[in-house]
Amino acid sequence: MVHLLGKLPSEECQKLLHWVVDGVCGREPPRMADYGNTWTLVEWMELLDSLSSLFRLAVGKKTPDEEVRPSSVLASLADVGSGYGEAVLTVLRARREEIRQALVERTNNVSSSTLQDFDWQIKLALSSDKISFLHTPLLNLRLDVKENGALKPLSVEMNREELQTLISSLEAANKVVLQLK
């Protein structure tokens, strides 16, 4: 799905790629709100997932640039334009060590976090300025995660579109887990 990068003007490509690497490294990832006019939500999620996976795999497998260049991901960018593939390689070269360090830290932290419990509720959002119903169902998902022996509650509120994206992601993750067994 990296070919979706072609919808972005080439001069903004590196900015987005650096922002994706920030997300991979545990900092603020790019926001859909900044690119809502360029991609749909589904395209946006697929693009972020593809780019994040590319950076994680290239660094995690210690793949040299010469092997990343002909990879199927960058080959799909050849149809879009050579500047996009070069932008990916430039960002990869510049931030390879930072990504590697983040992956090492994440690997160390993942083993100590487990989901303990979850709860969900559905409610309707109300418009306060016009005192009318928006009739927008929202899901309030509460996760209790045990991290380093301490229970940490996480709360997420999602609309229908965000919930569908979450469900799709979980189904895809389940398929991967089943393939690994």
Protein backbone atom coordinates (compact mmCIF):
# COMPACT_ATOMS: atom_id res chain seq x y z
CA MET A 1 0.00 0.00 0.00
CA VAL A 2 3.04 2.27 -0.07
CA HIS A 3 1.98 3.34 -3.58
CA LEU A 4 -0.57 5.56 -1.80
CA LEU A 5 2.39 7.79 -0.95
CA GLY A 6 2.12 9.03 -4.55
CA LYS A 7 -0.97 11.06 -3.60
CA LEU A 8 1.27 13.31 -1.52
CA PRO A 9 3.34 16.02 -3.24
CA SER A 10 6.95 14.85 -3.35
CA GLU A 11 8.20 17.89 -1.41
CA GLU A 12 6.06 16.85 1.61
CA CYS A 13 7.05 13.18 1.44
CA GLN A 14 10.14 13.35 3.68
CA LYS A 15 8.25 15.29 6.34
CA LEU A 16 5.61 12.56 6.53
CA LEU A 17 8.24 9.79 6.53
CA HIS A 18 10.12 11.41 9.43
CA TRP A 19 6.83 11.73 11.27
CA VAL A 20 6.12 8.01 10.66
CA VAL A 21 9.54 7.17 12.11
CA ASP A 22 8.67 9.33 15.14
CA GLY A 23 5.61 7.11 15.62
CA VAL A 24 7.72 3.94 15.26
CA CYS A 25 10.06 5.35 17.90
CA GLY A 26 7.23 5.90 20.38
CA ARG A 27 6.73 9.61 19.87
CA GLU A 28 3.76 11.36 18.32
CA PRO A 29 2.81 9.67 15.03
CA PRO A 30 1.36 11.58 12.08
CA ARG A 31 -2.26 12.62 12.47
CA MET A 32 -5.00 11.83 10.02
CA ALA A 33 -6.36 15.34 10.54
CA ASP A 34 -3.27 16.78 8.81
CA TYR A 35 -3.73 14.56 5.75
CA GLY A 36 -7.51 14.05 5.67
CA ASN A 37 -7.80 15.76 2.28
CA THR A 38 -5.20 13.43 0.76
CA TRP A 39 -6.27 9.95 1.91
CA THR A 40 -9.37 8.22 3.23
CA LEU A 41 -9.18 6.72 6.72
CA VAL A 42 -8.66 3.21 5.35
CA GLU A 43 -5.94 4.38 2.95
CA TRP A 44 -4.32 6.36 5.77
CA MET A 45 -4.22 3.34 8.11
CA GLU A 46 -2.87 1.08 5.35
CA LEU A 47 -0.20 3.61 4.39
CA LEU A 48 0.94 4.11 7.99
CA ASP A 49 1.03 0.38 8.58
CA SER A 50 3.01 -0.25 5.39
CA LEU A 51 5.55 2.50 6.06
CA SER A 52 5.97 1.54 9.73
CA SER A 53 6.45 -2.10 8.77
CA LEU A 54 8.99 -1.17 6.11
CA PHE A 55 11.10 0.82 8.59
CA ARG A 56 10.81 -1.81 11.34
CA LEU A 57 11.66 -4.70 9.03
CA ALA A 58 14.55 -2.95 7.30
CA VAL A 59 16.13 -2.03 10.63
CA GLY A 60 15.12 -5.16 12.54
CA LYS A 61 16.59 -7.48 9.94
CA LYS A 62 19.62 -5.19 9.50
CA THR A 63 18.89 -5.01 5.79
CA PRO A 64 21.48 -2.97 3.87
CA ASP A 65 20.22 -0.18 1.59
CA GLU A 66 21.20 -2.18 -1.49
CA GLU A 67 18.71 -4.89 -0.49
CA VAL A 68 15.97 -2.46 0.60
CA ARG A 69 16.02 -0.71 -2.79
CA PRO A 70 14.79 -3.69 -4.86
CA SER A 71 12.32 -4.80 -2.17
CA SER A 72 8.74 -5.25 -3.30
CA VAL A 73 7.67 -2.24 -1.21
CA LEU A 74 10.07 0.18 -2.86
CA ALA A 75 9.51 -1.46 -6.24
CA SER A 76 5.85 -0.44 -5.96
CA LEU A 77 7.03 3.15 -5.52
CA ALA A 78 8.90 3.00 -8.84
CA ASP A 79 5.57 3.40 -10.63
CA VAL A 80 4.79 6.47 -8.54
CA GLY A 81 8.14 8.17 -9.14
CA SER A 82 11.78 7.70 -8.20
CA GLY A 83 11.75 10.58 -5.73
CA TYR A 84 9.48 8.68 -3.33
CA GLY A 85 11.73 5.62 -3.10
CA GLU A 86 14.76 7.82 -2.60
CA ALA A 87 12.93 9.74 0.14
CA VAL A 88 12.22 6.46 1.97
CA LEU A 89 15.88 5.43 1.70
CA THR A 90 17.10 8.86 2.83
CA VAL A 91 14.93 8.76 5.95
CA LEU A 92 15.92 5.15 6.61
CA ARG A 93 19.62 6.00 6.39
CA ALA A 94 19.27 9.09 8.58
CA ARG A 95 17.24 7.44 11.36
CA ARG A 96 18.31 3.78 11.24
CA GLU A 97 20.04 3.83 14.65
CA GLU A 98 17.15 5.67 16.31
CA ILE A 99 14.66 3.09 14.98
CA ARG A 100 16.91 0.22 16.09
CA GLN A 101 17.11 1.63 19.62
CA ALA A 102 13.33 2.09 19.78
CA LEU A 103 12.77 -1.50 18.62
CA VAL A 104 15.14 -2.82 21.29
CA GLU A 105 13.38 -0.79 23.99
CA ARG A 106 9.93 -1.85 22.76
CA THR A 107 10.97 -5.52 22.74
CA ASN A 108 12.13 -5.22 26.34
CA ASN A 109 8.86 -3.54 27.40
CA VAL A 110 6.47 -5.82 25.51
CA SER A 111 7.41 -8.85 27.57
CA SER A 112 6.32 -7.11 30.78
CA SER A 113 2.87 -5.86 29.61
CA THR A 114 -0.23 -8.01 29.55
CA LEU A 115 -3.91 -7.26 29.10
CA GLN A 116 -5.71 -8.10 32.33
CA ASP A 117 -9.30 -7.01 31.69
CA PHE A 118 -11.48 -4.92 29.40
CA ASP A 119 -14.88 -3.26 29.55
CA TRP A 120 -16.93 -1.35 26.97
CA GLN A 121 -19.92 0.95 26.85
CA ILE A 122 -21.88 2.59 24.05
CA LYS A 123 -23.32 6.08 24.42
CA LEU A 124 -24.70 8.81 22.17
CA ALA A 125 -22.90 12.13 21.77
CA LEU A 126 -25.03 15.22 22.28
CA SER A 127 -24.55 18.60 20.67
CA SER A 128 -24.20 21.19 23.39
CA ASP A 129 -24.34 24.32 21.24
CA LYS A 130 -27.72 23.66 19.58
CA ILE A 131 -29.19 21.26 22.15
CA SER A 132 -29.94 18.63 19.54
CA PHE A 133 -28.89 15.05 19.14
CA LEU A 134 -26.03 14.24 16.86
CA HIS A 135 -27.02 10.58 17.04
CA THR A 136 -23.38 9.63 16.88
CA PRO A 137 -22.79 6.36 18.74
CA LEU A 138 -19.46 6.25 20.56
CA LEU A 139 -17.71 3.27 22.09
CA ASN A 140 -15.83 3.80 25.33
CA LEU A 141 -13.29 0.97 25.59
CA ARG A 142 -11.44 0.53 28.87
CA LEU A 143 -8.39 -1.74 28.98
CA ASP A 144 -6.60 -2.79 32.17
CA VAL A 145 -2.98 -3.49 31.25
CA LYS A 146 -0.51 -5.00 33.68
CA GLU A 147 2.83 -3.35 33.08
CA ASN A 148 5.89 -4.16 35.20
CA GLY A 149 3.64 -5.56 37.92
CA ALA A 150 1.40 -2.48 38.13
CA LEU A 151 -2.14 -2.33 36.75
CA LYS A 152 -2.51 0.59 34.33
CA PRO A 153 -5.99 1.56 33.05
CA LEU A 154 -6.26 2.79 29.46
CA SER A 155 -9.43 4.39 28.13
CA VAL A 156 -10.24 4.98 24.46
CA GLU A 157 -13.35 6.56 22.94
CA MET A 158 -14.10 5.62 19.33
CA ASN A 159 -16.75 6.41 16.77
CA ARG A 160 -18.12 3.77 14.41
CA GLU A 161 -15.41 4.35 11.78
CA GLU A 162 -12.57 4.10 14.30
CA LEU A 163 -14.12 0.98 15.84
CA GLN A 164 -14.32 -0.68 12.41
CA THR A 165 -10.64 0.13 11.84
CA LEU A 166 -9.76 -1.39 15.23
CA ILE A 167 -11.75 -4.53 14.47
CA SER A 168 -10.07 -4.89 11.07
CA SER A 169 -6.65 -4.47 12.66
CA LEU A 170 -7.41 -7.05 15.35
CA GLU A 171 -8.69 -9.52 12.75
CA ALA A 172 -5.51 -9.04 10.70
CA ALA A 173 -3.37 -9.52 13.82
CA ASN A 174 -5.31 -12.68 14.65
CA LYS A 175 -4.63 -14.07 11.17
CA VAL A 176 -0.91 -13.41 11.60
CA VAL A 177 -0.88 -15.10 15.02
CA LEU A 178 -2.71 -18.12 13.60
CA GLN A 179 -0.17 -18.36 10.76
CA LEU A 180 2.70 -18.31 13.27
CA LYS A 181 1.29 -21.29 15.19
